[in-house]
Amino acid sequence: MNEIKLKGVGVLTTDGWTLWSQNCKSKLCSYGLWTYIEGPDNKPPREATKLDEWHHINDCIVGALCLVVENSLSQEIENLKTAQEAWECLKSKTYQSGMILKFNALQTAMRIHFTTPDSVNSTIAEIKDLIDIIYDTKPPTKEEMLVTIYLHAMLDGDFDWLRKIMIGNMTSSSTTLTPDEVTQRLELEAQEA
C-alpha cells in the first residue's frame, strides 16, 4: 500500500467534526479505503493470508488520521488497532450536537460573505445548509439563543478563552448552559480582571 495522504482535509480540532469528517471520508473513499471504517473491511478477514495486509492498511489509515488531527486527538488514537476504532474515537471526542452544533452553525453563517459573482449560488446553498442545522428538529429556544449570543460575543476578545472552555465542557459532557450561568461566569471573570 502506498502512503495515504489526507492533504486538503484540514486539521480536526475539538469542535470541527462535521466538515472535517466529510472531507476525510471523501479522501478515504478516493483511495478505496472507506470500507475499513464502514463496510466489509472493518473486521479482520477470516483468511490468515490476508490478515497481515489488513493490519498494515489499518495501521496506515490510523497513521494518516494522526497527521490530520490536533496533537491531543492524535495521542488518543495512535495506539488503536483499527481505522474504525480511531474514527469512532475521534467522532466521540469532537462530534457536536444540540446547542453547540447550532451555535457553531450560526457563527459560521454570520461569517459567510458573498465574495465573487461566481460564488453566489454556492454561498446561498451553504447558508441554507447551516440554517437547516440551526432549525433541525425545532427552533432554538429563547434561552438557547441568548447563550449562543453570549458565546458569540466572547469570540476573538478578552473572553475567547472562556468561550472555548464553556464549549469544550458542553461538547465533552453533553451538558447545557443557562444564560444565568454564563452571565455569572462573565461577571466573575470581569471582577477578577
N, C-alpha and C. Protein backbone atom coordinates (compact mmCIF):
# COMPACT_ATOMS: atom_id res chain seq x y z
N MET A 1 0.85 -1.18 0.00
CA MET A 1 0.00 0.00 0.00
C MET A 1 0.88 1.23 0.00
N ASN A 2 0.62 2.13 -0.89
CA ASN A 2 1.33 3.40 -0.93
C ASN A 2 0.90 4.26 0.25
N GLU A 3 1.65 5.30 0.50
CA GLU A 3 1.33 6.21 1.60
C GLU A 3 -0.03 6.86 1.37
N ILE A 4 -0.80 6.96 2.45
CA ILE A 4 -2.11 7.60 2.39
C ILE A 4 -1.92 9.07 2.72
N LYS A 5 -2.29 9.93 1.79
CA LYS A 5 -2.16 11.37 2.01
C LYS A 5 -3.54 11.99 2.13
N LEU A 6 -3.78 12.59 3.27
CA LEU A 6 -5.07 13.22 3.52
C LEU A 6 -4.98 14.73 3.44
N LYS A 7 -4.09 15.22 2.60
CA LYS A 7 -3.94 16.67 2.45
C LYS A 7 -5.24 17.27 1.94
N GLY A 8 -5.52 18.45 2.43
CA GLY A 8 -6.71 19.16 1.99
C GLY A 8 -7.92 18.92 2.88
N VAL A 9 -7.84 17.98 3.83
CA VAL A 9 -8.99 17.75 4.70
C VAL A 9 -9.00 18.70 5.88
N GLY A 10 -7.89 19.38 6.11
CA GLY A 10 -7.78 20.28 7.25
C GLY A 10 -7.39 19.50 8.50
N VAL A 11 -7.21 20.22 9.59
CA VAL A 11 -6.84 19.60 10.86
C VAL A 11 -8.07 19.56 11.74
N LEU A 12 -8.37 18.37 12.25
CA LEU A 12 -9.53 18.22 13.14
C LEU A 12 -9.18 18.78 14.51
N THR A 13 -10.04 19.68 14.97
CA THR A 13 -9.93 20.23 16.32
C THR A 13 -11.10 19.70 17.12
N THR A 14 -11.18 20.08 18.38
CA THR A 14 -12.23 19.54 19.24
C THR A 14 -13.63 19.99 18.87
N ASP A 15 -13.77 20.88 17.90
CA ASP A 15 -15.12 21.32 17.54
C ASP A 15 -15.38 21.36 16.04
N GLY A 16 -14.66 20.54 15.27
CA GLY A 16 -14.83 20.64 13.83
C GLY A 16 -15.20 19.36 13.12
N TRP A 17 -15.88 18.46 13.78
CA TRP A 17 -16.13 17.13 13.23
C TRP A 17 -16.88 17.13 11.90
N THR A 18 -17.94 17.87 11.79
CA THR A 18 -18.84 17.74 10.65
C THR A 18 -18.14 17.96 9.31
N LEU A 19 -17.52 19.09 9.12
CA LEU A 19 -16.85 19.38 7.85
C LEU A 19 -15.62 18.49 7.67
N TRP A 20 -14.83 18.32 8.72
CA TRP A 20 -13.62 17.51 8.63
C TRP A 20 -13.96 16.07 8.25
N SER A 21 -14.96 15.50 8.89
CA SER A 21 -15.31 14.10 8.62
C SER A 21 -15.80 13.92 7.19
N GLN A 22 -16.55 14.90 6.66
CA GLN A 22 -16.99 14.81 5.27
C GLN A 22 -15.80 14.85 4.32
N ASN A 23 -14.86 15.76 4.56
CA ASN A 23 -13.67 15.86 3.71
C ASN A 23 -12.80 14.61 3.81
N CYS A 24 -12.63 14.12 5.03
CA CYS A 24 -11.78 12.96 5.24
C CYS A 24 -12.42 11.71 4.63
N LYS A 25 -13.72 11.55 4.80
CA LYS A 25 -14.41 10.41 4.20
C LYS A 25 -14.26 10.42 2.69
N SER A 26 -14.42 11.59 2.08
CA SER A 26 -14.27 11.69 0.63
C SER A 26 -12.87 11.28 0.19
N LYS A 27 -11.87 11.73 0.93
CA LYS A 27 -10.48 11.40 0.59
C LYS A 27 -10.24 9.89 0.75
N LEU A 28 -10.72 9.30 1.84
CA LEU A 28 -10.55 7.86 2.05
C LEU A 28 -11.31 7.06 0.99
N CYS A 29 -12.48 7.54 0.60
CA CYS A 29 -13.23 6.88 -0.49
C CYS A 29 -12.43 6.92 -1.78
N SER A 30 -11.76 8.04 -2.05
CA SER A 30 -10.99 8.15 -3.29
C SER A 30 -9.84 7.15 -3.33
N TYR A 31 -9.36 6.74 -2.17
CA TYR A 31 -8.32 5.70 -2.08
C TYR A 31 -8.93 4.29 -2.02
N GLY A 32 -10.25 4.20 -1.92
CA GLY A 32 -10.90 2.91 -1.78
C GLY A 32 -10.75 2.32 -0.39
N LEU A 33 -10.58 3.19 0.61
CA LEU A 33 -10.30 2.73 1.97
C LEU A 33 -11.43 2.95 2.97
N TRP A 34 -12.51 3.59 2.54
CA TRP A 34 -13.60 3.86 3.48
C TRP A 34 -14.19 2.57 4.04
N THR A 35 -14.09 1.48 3.30
CA THR A 35 -14.65 0.20 3.75
C THR A 35 -13.94 -0.32 5.00
N TYR A 36 -12.77 0.23 5.33
CA TYR A 36 -12.08 -0.17 6.56
C TYR A 36 -12.67 0.54 7.78
N ILE A 37 -13.47 1.56 7.54
CA ILE A 37 -14.13 2.27 8.63
C ILE A 37 -15.59 1.85 8.71
N GLU A 38 -16.27 1.89 7.57
CA GLU A 38 -17.66 1.43 7.49
C GLU A 38 -17.77 0.53 6.27
N GLY A 39 -17.90 -0.72 6.50
CA GLY A 39 -18.03 -1.62 5.37
C GLY A 39 -17.44 -2.98 5.67
N PRO A 40 -17.32 -3.80 4.64
CA PRO A 40 -16.90 -5.19 4.85
C PRO A 40 -15.47 -5.34 5.36
N ASP A 41 -14.62 -4.34 5.17
CA ASP A 41 -13.24 -4.47 5.60
C ASP A 41 -12.98 -3.95 7.01
N ASN A 42 -14.03 -3.56 7.74
CA ASN A 42 -13.79 -3.03 9.08
C ASN A 42 -13.57 -4.13 10.12
N LYS A 43 -13.72 -5.37 9.72
CA LYS A 43 -13.43 -6.51 10.59
C LYS A 43 -12.31 -7.33 9.96
N PRO A 44 -11.50 -7.99 10.77
CA PRO A 44 -10.39 -8.77 10.21
C PRO A 44 -10.89 -9.87 9.27
N PRO A 45 -10.14 -10.12 8.21
CA PRO A 45 -10.56 -11.18 7.29
C PRO A 45 -10.38 -12.56 7.95
N ARG A 46 -11.12 -13.52 7.47
CA ARG A 46 -11.02 -14.89 8.01
C ARG A 46 -9.80 -15.61 7.49
N GLU A 47 -9.38 -15.24 6.29
CA GLU A 47 -8.22 -15.91 5.69
C GLU A 47 -6.94 -15.37 6.32
N ALA A 48 -6.13 -16.27 6.86
CA ALA A 48 -4.88 -15.87 7.51
C ALA A 48 -3.93 -15.17 6.54
N THR A 49 -4.00 -15.51 5.26
CA THR A 49 -3.09 -14.92 4.28
C THR A 49 -3.37 -13.43 4.05
N LYS A 50 -4.59 -12.99 4.34
CA LYS A 50 -4.95 -11.58 4.13
C LYS A 50 -4.85 -10.74 5.41
N LEU A 51 -4.59 -11.41 6.54
CA LEU A 51 -4.60 -10.73 7.83
C LEU A 51 -3.47 -9.70 7.95
N ASP A 52 -2.26 -10.03 7.51
CA ASP A 52 -1.14 -9.08 7.59
C ASP A 52 -1.43 -7.82 6.78
N GLU A 53 -1.95 -8.00 5.58
CA GLU A 53 -2.27 -6.84 4.74
C GLU A 53 -3.36 -6.00 5.38
N TRP A 54 -4.37 -6.64 5.98
CA TRP A 54 -5.46 -5.93 6.64
C TRP A 54 -4.91 -5.08 7.79
N HIS A 55 -4.04 -5.66 8.62
CA HIS A 55 -3.44 -4.91 9.73
C HIS A 55 -2.59 -3.75 9.21
N HIS A 56 -1.84 -3.99 8.14
CA HIS A 56 -0.99 -2.95 7.56
C HIS A 56 -1.83 -1.77 7.06
N ILE A 57 -2.91 -2.05 6.36
CA ILE A 57 -3.78 -0.98 5.84
C ILE A 57 -4.42 -0.21 6.99
N ASN A 58 -4.88 -0.92 8.02
CA ASN A 58 -5.45 -0.23 9.19
C ASN A 58 -4.41 0.66 9.86
N ASP A 59 -3.18 0.15 10.01
CA ASP A 59 -2.11 0.96 10.59
C ASP A 59 -1.85 2.21 9.75
N CYS A 60 -1.86 2.06 8.42
CA CYS A 60 -1.65 3.21 7.53
C CYS A 60 -2.75 4.25 7.66
N ILE A 61 -4.00 3.79 7.76
CA ILE A 61 -5.13 4.72 7.91
C ILE A 61 -5.04 5.45 9.24
N VAL A 62 -4.78 4.71 10.32
CA VAL A 62 -4.68 5.34 11.64
C VAL A 62 -3.52 6.34 11.64
N GLY A 63 -2.40 5.97 11.04
CA GLY A 63 -1.26 6.88 10.95
C GLY A 63 -1.60 8.14 10.17
N ALA A 64 -2.32 7.99 9.06
CA ALA A 64 -2.72 9.14 8.26
C ALA A 64 -3.68 10.04 9.05
N LEU A 65 -4.60 9.43 9.80
CA LEU A 65 -5.52 10.22 10.62
C LEU A 65 -4.76 11.00 11.70
N CYS A 66 -3.73 10.39 12.28
CA CYS A 66 -2.93 11.07 13.31
C CYS A 66 -2.30 12.35 12.78
N LEU A 67 -2.04 12.39 11.49
CA LEU A 67 -1.38 13.56 10.90
C LEU A 67 -2.35 14.71 10.59
N VAL A 68 -3.65 14.45 10.65
CA VAL A 68 -4.63 15.49 10.31
C VAL A 68 -5.58 15.80 11.46
N VAL A 69 -5.10 15.57 12.68
CA VAL A 69 -5.86 15.93 13.88
C VAL A 69 -4.91 16.67 14.82
N GLU A 70 -5.47 17.47 15.72
CA GLU A 70 -4.61 18.18 16.66
C GLU A 70 -3.93 17.17 17.59
N ASN A 71 -2.83 17.58 18.21
CA ASN A 71 -1.99 16.67 18.99
C ASN A 71 -2.74 15.87 20.05
N SER A 72 -3.60 16.52 20.80
CA SER A 72 -4.31 15.81 21.86
C SER A 72 -5.15 14.67 21.29
N LEU A 73 -5.74 14.88 20.12
CA LEU A 73 -6.54 13.83 19.49
C LEU A 73 -5.64 12.74 18.91
N SER A 74 -4.51 13.14 18.37
CA SER A 74 -3.56 12.17 17.82
C SER A 74 -3.12 11.19 18.91
N GLN A 75 -2.85 11.71 20.08
CA GLN A 75 -2.44 10.86 21.19
C GLN A 75 -3.54 9.89 21.60
N GLU A 76 -4.78 10.29 21.41
CA GLU A 76 -5.91 9.42 21.75
C GLU A 76 -6.01 8.21 20.82
N ILE A 77 -5.62 8.39 19.56
CA ILE A 77 -5.86 7.32 18.58
C ILE A 77 -4.61 6.56 18.14
N GLU A 78 -3.42 7.08 18.43
CA GLU A 78 -2.21 6.50 17.85
C GLU A 78 -1.99 5.04 18.20
N ASN A 79 -2.50 4.56 19.31
CA ASN A 79 -2.30 3.17 19.70
C ASN A 79 -3.51 2.27 19.43
N LEU A 80 -4.52 2.82 18.78
CA LEU A 80 -5.68 2.00 18.45
C LEU A 80 -5.33 1.07 17.30
N LYS A 81 -5.96 -0.07 17.25
CA LYS A 81 -5.59 -1.12 16.30
C LYS A 81 -6.29 -1.04 14.96
N THR A 82 -7.48 -0.43 14.93
CA THR A 82 -8.20 -0.41 13.65
C THR A 82 -8.61 1.02 13.28
N ALA A 83 -8.81 1.21 12.00
CA ALA A 83 -9.26 2.50 11.49
C ALA A 83 -10.65 2.82 12.03
N GLN A 84 -11.48 1.82 12.15
CA GLN A 84 -12.83 2.03 12.66
C GLN A 84 -12.79 2.52 14.11
N GLU A 85 -11.94 1.93 14.95
CA GLU A 85 -11.81 2.37 16.34
C GLU A 85 -11.33 3.82 16.40
N ALA A 86 -10.35 4.16 15.56
CA ALA A 86 -9.81 5.51 15.54
C ALA A 86 -10.89 6.51 15.12
N TRP A 87 -11.65 6.17 14.08
CA TRP A 87 -12.72 7.04 13.59
C TRP A 87 -13.77 7.28 14.67
N GLU A 88 -14.20 6.21 15.31
CA GLU A 88 -15.22 6.32 16.36
C GLU A 88 -14.71 7.13 17.55
N CYS A 89 -13.44 6.95 17.90
CA CYS A 89 -12.84 7.72 18.98
C CYS A 89 -12.84 9.20 18.64
N LEU A 90 -12.41 9.54 17.43
CA LEU A 90 -12.39 10.95 17.01
C LEU A 90 -13.80 11.54 17.02
N LYS A 91 -14.74 10.77 16.53
CA LYS A 91 -16.13 11.24 16.49
C LYS A 91 -16.65 11.49 17.91
N SER A 92 -16.38 10.57 18.82
CA SER A 92 -16.89 10.73 20.18
C SER A 92 -16.27 11.93 20.89
N LYS A 93 -15.04 12.28 20.50
CA LYS A 93 -14.36 13.41 21.14
C LYS A 93 -14.73 14.76 20.52
N THR A 94 -15.21 14.76 19.27
CA THR A 94 -15.37 16.04 18.57
C THR A 94 -16.75 16.30 17.98
N TYR A 95 -17.58 15.28 17.87
CA TYR A 95 -18.89 15.49 17.26
C TYR A 95 -19.74 16.35 18.17
N GLN A 96 -20.35 17.33 17.61
CA GLN A 96 -21.18 18.23 18.38
C GLN A 96 -22.64 17.98 18.07
N SER A 97 -23.43 18.17 19.09
CA SER A 97 -24.87 18.05 18.88
C SER A 97 -25.55 19.13 19.71
N GLY A 98 -26.83 19.19 19.58
CA GLY A 98 -27.61 20.13 20.38
C GLY A 98 -27.22 21.57 20.17
N MET A 99 -27.13 22.28 21.27
CA MET A 99 -26.91 23.71 21.22
C MET A 99 -25.54 24.07 20.66
N ILE A 100 -24.51 23.28 20.95
CA ILE A 100 -23.17 23.58 20.44
C ILE A 100 -23.15 23.51 18.92
N LEU A 101 -23.78 22.49 18.36
CA LEU A 101 -23.85 22.37 16.91
C LEU A 101 -24.57 23.59 16.31
N LYS A 102 -25.68 23.96 16.94
CA LYS A 102 -26.44 25.12 16.45
C LYS A 102 -25.63 26.40 16.59
N PHE A 103 -24.91 26.54 17.71
CA PHE A 103 -24.07 27.73 17.92
C PHE A 103 -23.03 27.85 16.82
N ASN A 104 -22.32 26.76 16.55
CA ASN A 104 -21.27 26.81 15.53
C ASN A 104 -21.84 27.06 14.14
N ALA A 105 -23.01 26.50 13.87
CA ALA A 105 -23.65 26.74 12.57
C ALA A 105 -24.03 28.22 12.43
N LEU A 106 -24.58 28.80 13.49
CA LEU A 106 -24.95 30.21 13.46
C LEU A 106 -23.71 31.09 13.31
N GLN A 107 -22.67 30.76 14.06
CA GLN A 107 -21.42 31.52 13.99
C GLN A 107 -20.83 31.46 12.57
N THR A 108 -20.83 30.28 11.98
CA THR A 108 -20.32 30.14 10.61
C THR A 108 -21.18 30.93 9.64
N ALA A 109 -22.50 30.84 9.80
CA ALA A 109 -23.41 31.57 8.91
C ALA A 109 -23.18 33.07 9.00
N MET A 110 -22.90 33.57 10.20
CA MET A 110 -22.69 35.00 10.38
C MET A 110 -21.37 35.48 9.78
N ARG A 111 -20.44 34.58 9.54
CA ARG A 111 -19.13 34.95 8.99
C ARG A 111 -19.06 34.79 7.47
N ILE A 112 -20.05 34.18 6.88
CA ILE A 112 -20.02 33.94 5.43
C ILE A 112 -20.22 35.25 4.68
N HIS A 113 -19.48 35.39 3.59
CA HIS A 113 -19.61 36.59 2.75
C HIS A 113 -19.74 36.18 1.29
N PHE A 114 -20.50 36.95 0.55
CA PHE A 114 -20.53 36.79 -0.90
C PHE A 114 -19.28 37.47 -1.42
N THR A 115 -18.38 36.70 -2.00
CA THR A 115 -17.09 37.27 -2.40
C THR A 115 -17.00 37.57 -3.88
N THR A 116 -17.54 36.70 -4.70
CA THR A 116 -17.48 36.91 -6.15
C THR A 116 -18.83 36.55 -6.75
N PRO A 117 -19.11 37.05 -7.94
CA PRO A 117 -20.37 36.65 -8.59
C PRO A 117 -20.47 35.14 -8.80
N ASP A 118 -19.34 34.49 -9.02
CA ASP A 118 -19.35 33.04 -9.22
C ASP A 118 -19.69 32.26 -7.96
N SER A 119 -19.48 32.87 -6.79
CA SER A 119 -19.70 32.14 -5.54
C SER A 119 -21.11 32.31 -4.97
N VAL A 120 -21.96 33.08 -5.64
CA VAL A 120 -23.28 33.38 -5.09
C VAL A 120 -24.09 32.11 -4.84
N ASN A 121 -24.20 31.23 -5.82
CA ASN A 121 -25.02 30.02 -5.65
C ASN A 121 -24.48 29.11 -4.56
N SER A 122 -23.17 28.90 -4.53
CA SER A 122 -22.61 28.02 -3.50
C SER A 122 -22.73 28.65 -2.12
N THR A 123 -22.61 29.97 -2.02
CA THR A 123 -22.75 30.65 -0.73
C THR A 123 -24.19 30.56 -0.24
N ILE A 124 -25.14 30.75 -1.13
CA ILE A 124 -26.56 30.61 -0.76
C ILE A 124 -26.83 29.19 -0.27
N ALA A 125 -26.31 28.21 -0.97
CA ALA A 125 -26.51 26.81 -0.58
C ALA A 125 -25.89 26.53 0.79
N GLU A 126 -24.71 27.08 1.04
CA GLU A 126 -24.04 26.88 2.33
C GLU A 126 -24.84 27.51 3.46
N ILE A 127 -25.36 28.72 3.25
CA ILE A 127 -26.17 29.38 4.27
C ILE A 127 -27.44 28.56 4.55
N LYS A 128 -28.09 28.06 3.51
CA LYS A 128 -29.30 27.25 3.70
C LYS A 128 -29.00 25.97 4.47
N ASP A 129 -27.85 25.34 4.19
CA ASP A 129 -27.45 24.13 4.93
C ASP A 129 -27.25 24.45 6.41
N LEU A 130 -26.64 25.60 6.69
CA LEU A 130 -26.41 25.98 8.08
C LEU A 130 -27.72 26.30 8.79
N ILE A 131 -28.64 26.95 8.11
CA ILE A 131 -29.95 27.23 8.70
C ILE A 131 -30.69 25.93 9.00
N ASP A 132 -30.55 24.93 8.13
CA ASP A 132 -31.15 23.62 8.39
C ASP A 132 -30.60 23.01 9.67
N ILE A 133 -29.31 23.21 9.93
CA ILE A 133 -28.72 22.70 11.17
C ILE A 133 -29.29 23.44 12.37
N ILE A 134 -29.38 24.76 12.26
CA ILE A 134 -29.86 25.57 13.38
C ILE A 134 -31.31 25.22 13.73
N TYR A 135 -32.14 24.99 12.71
CA TYR A 135 -33.55 24.70 12.94
C TYR A 135 -33.88 23.23 12.67
N ASP A 136 -32.92 22.35 12.89
CA ASP A 136 -33.02 20.93 12.56
C ASP A 136 -34.32 20.30 13.04
N THR A 137 -34.49 20.12 14.30
CA THR A 137 -35.70 19.46 14.80
C THR A 137 -36.73 20.46 15.30
N LYS A 138 -36.23 21.50 15.91
CA LYS A 138 -37.12 22.56 16.39
C LYS A 138 -36.29 23.83 16.51
N PRO A 139 -36.94 24.96 16.44
CA PRO A 139 -36.18 26.21 16.57
C PRO A 139 -35.53 26.30 17.95
N PRO A 140 -34.39 26.98 18.04
CA PRO A 140 -33.77 27.18 19.34
C PRO A 140 -34.70 27.97 20.25
N THR A 141 -34.65 27.66 21.53
CA THR A 141 -35.45 28.42 22.49
C THR A 141 -34.82 29.78 22.72
N LYS A 142 -35.56 30.64 23.41
CA LYS A 142 -35.04 31.97 23.72
C LYS A 142 -33.77 31.84 24.57
N GLU A 143 -33.76 30.92 25.54
CA GLU A 143 -32.58 30.72 26.39
C GLU A 143 -31.39 30.21 25.57
N GLU A 144 -31.64 29.28 24.67
CA GLU A 144 -30.54 28.77 23.83
C GLU A 144 -29.97 29.89 22.96
N MET A 145 -30.82 30.71 22.41
CA MET A 145 -30.34 31.82 21.58
C MET A 145 -29.56 32.84 22.40
N LEU A 146 -30.00 33.09 23.63
CA LEU A 146 -29.28 34.03 24.49
C LEU A 146 -27.88 33.49 24.82
N VAL A 147 -27.79 32.22 25.17
CA VAL A 147 -26.47 31.62 25.42
C VAL A 147 -25.62 31.67 24.16
N THR A 148 -26.22 31.39 23.02
CA THR A 148 -25.50 31.45 21.74
C THR A 148 -24.95 32.84 21.48
N ILE A 149 -25.76 33.85 21.72
CA ILE A 149 -25.31 35.23 21.50
C ILE A 149 -24.22 35.60 22.51
N TYR A 150 -24.36 35.18 23.76
CA TYR A 150 -23.30 35.43 24.75
C TYR A 150 -21.99 34.79 24.29
N LEU A 151 -22.05 33.53 23.88
CA LEU A 151 -20.84 32.83 23.45
C LEU A 151 -20.23 33.51 22.22
N HIS A 152 -21.08 33.94 21.30
CA HIS A 152 -20.58 34.62 20.11
C HIS A 152 -19.95 35.97 20.48
N ALA A 153 -20.51 36.65 21.48
CA ALA A 153 -19.97 37.94 21.90
C ALA A 153 -18.59 37.79 22.54
N MET A 154 -18.25 36.60 23.03
CA MET A 154 -16.93 36.35 23.62
C MET A 154 -15.87 36.07 22.56
N LEU A 155 -16.30 35.84 21.34
CA LEU A 155 -15.40 35.44 20.26
C LEU A 155 -14.33 36.49 19.99
N ASP A 156 -13.10 36.03 19.87
CA ASP A 156 -11.95 36.87 19.47
C ASP A 156 -11.67 38.05 20.38
N GLY A 157 -12.14 38.04 21.58
CA GLY A 157 -11.86 39.14 22.50
C GLY A 157 -11.17 38.61 23.74
N ASP A 158 -11.23 39.40 24.81
CA ASP A 158 -10.59 39.01 26.07
C ASP A 158 -11.20 37.76 26.69
N PHE A 159 -12.40 37.40 26.28
CA PHE A 159 -13.07 36.25 26.87
C PHE A 159 -13.14 35.05 25.93
N ASP A 160 -12.39 35.08 24.84
CA ASP A 160 -12.40 33.95 23.90
C ASP A 160 -11.97 32.66 24.57
N TRP A 161 -11.01 32.73 25.48
CA TRP A 161 -10.55 31.54 26.20
C TRP A 161 -11.70 30.94 27.03
N LEU A 162 -12.51 31.79 27.62
CA LEU A 162 -13.65 31.32 28.42
C LEU A 162 -14.69 30.67 27.52
N ARG A 163 -14.92 31.27 26.36
CA ARG A 163 -15.87 30.69 25.40
C ARG A 163 -15.41 29.28 25.02
N LYS A 164 -14.13 29.11 24.75
CA LYS A 164 -13.60 27.79 24.36
C LYS A 164 -13.78 26.78 25.49
N ILE A 165 -13.55 27.19 26.71
CA ILE A 165 -13.73 26.29 27.86
C ILE A 165 -15.19 25.87 27.98
N MET A 166 -16.10 26.85 27.88
CA MET A 166 -17.52 26.55 28.02
C MET A 166 -17.98 25.61 26.91
N ILE A 167 -17.56 25.87 25.67
CA ILE A 167 -17.95 25.00 24.56
C ILE A 167 -17.34 23.62 24.73
N GLY A 168 -16.08 23.57 25.15
CA GLY A 168 -15.42 22.28 25.38
C GLY A 168 -16.14 21.46 26.43
N ASN A 169 -16.54 22.10 27.53
CA ASN A 169 -17.27 21.39 28.59
C ASN A 169 -18.61 20.89 28.09
N MET A 170 -19.29 21.71 27.31
CA MET A 170 -20.60 21.30 26.79
C MET A 170 -20.45 20.17 25.79
N THR A 171 -19.39 20.19 24.99
CA THR A 171 -19.18 19.15 23.99
C THR A 171 -18.82 17.82 24.65
N SER A 172 -17.90 17.86 25.62
CA SER A 172 -17.42 16.61 26.21
C SER A 172 -18.41 15.99 27.19
N SER A 173 -19.23 16.81 27.84
CA SER A 173 -20.13 16.25 28.85
C SER A 173 -21.60 16.30 28.46
N SER A 174 -21.91 16.82 27.29
CA SER A 174 -23.29 16.93 26.82
C SER A 174 -24.18 17.70 27.79
N THR A 175 -23.61 18.65 28.49
CA THR A 175 -24.41 19.49 29.39
C THR A 175 -24.81 20.75 28.65
N THR A 176 -25.76 21.46 29.22
CA THR A 176 -26.17 22.73 28.63
C THR A 176 -25.87 23.84 29.63
N LEU A 177 -25.77 25.02 29.13
CA LEU A 177 -25.58 26.20 29.96
C LEU A 177 -26.85 27.03 29.96
N THR A 178 -27.12 27.65 31.09
CA THR A 178 -28.23 28.59 31.13
C THR A 178 -27.66 29.99 30.96
N PRO A 179 -28.47 30.93 30.54
CA PRO A 179 -27.99 32.31 30.43
C PRO A 179 -27.45 32.84 31.77
N ASP A 180 -28.08 32.44 32.87
CA ASP A 180 -27.62 32.89 34.19
C ASP A 180 -26.21 32.37 34.50
N GLU A 181 -25.93 31.12 34.15
CA GLU A 181 -24.60 30.57 34.39
C GLU A 181 -23.53 31.32 33.59
N VAL A 182 -23.86 31.64 32.34
CA VAL A 182 -22.90 32.36 31.50
C VAL A 182 -22.67 33.76 32.06
N THR A 183 -23.74 34.48 32.43
CA THR A 183 -23.57 35.84 32.94
C THR A 183 -22.82 35.84 34.27
N GLN A 184 -23.10 34.86 35.13
CA GLN A 184 -22.37 34.78 36.41
C GLN A 184 -20.88 34.57 36.16
N ARG A 185 -20.54 33.69 35.26
CA ARG A 185 -19.12 33.42 34.98
C ARG A 185 -18.44 34.64 34.35
N LEU A 186 -19.15 35.30 33.43
CA LEU A 186 -18.59 36.51 32.82
C LEU A 186 -18.37 37.61 33.86
N GLU A 187 -19.37 37.82 34.72
CA GLU A 187 -19.24 38.86 35.75
C GLU A 187 -18.10 38.54 36.72
N LEU A 188 -17.93 37.28 37.07
CA LEU A 188 -16.85 36.86 37.95
C LEU A 188 -15.49 37.13 37.31
N GLU A 189 -15.36 36.77 36.05
CA GLU A 189 -14.10 37.00 35.33
C GLU A 189 -13.81 38.48 35.18
N ALA A 190 -14.84 39.28 34.93
CA ALA A 190 -14.65 40.72 34.78
C ALA A 190 -14.20 41.35 36.08
N GLN A 191 -14.73 40.88 37.23
CA GLN A 191 -14.32 41.41 38.52
C GLN A 191 -12.86 41.07 38.83
N GLU A 192 -12.43 39.87 38.43
CA GLU A 192 -11.07 39.44 38.72
C GLU A 192 -10.05 40.10 37.80
N ALA A 193 -10.50 40.65 36.69
CA ALA A 193 -9.57 41.25 35.72
C ALA A 193 -9.06 42.60 36.18
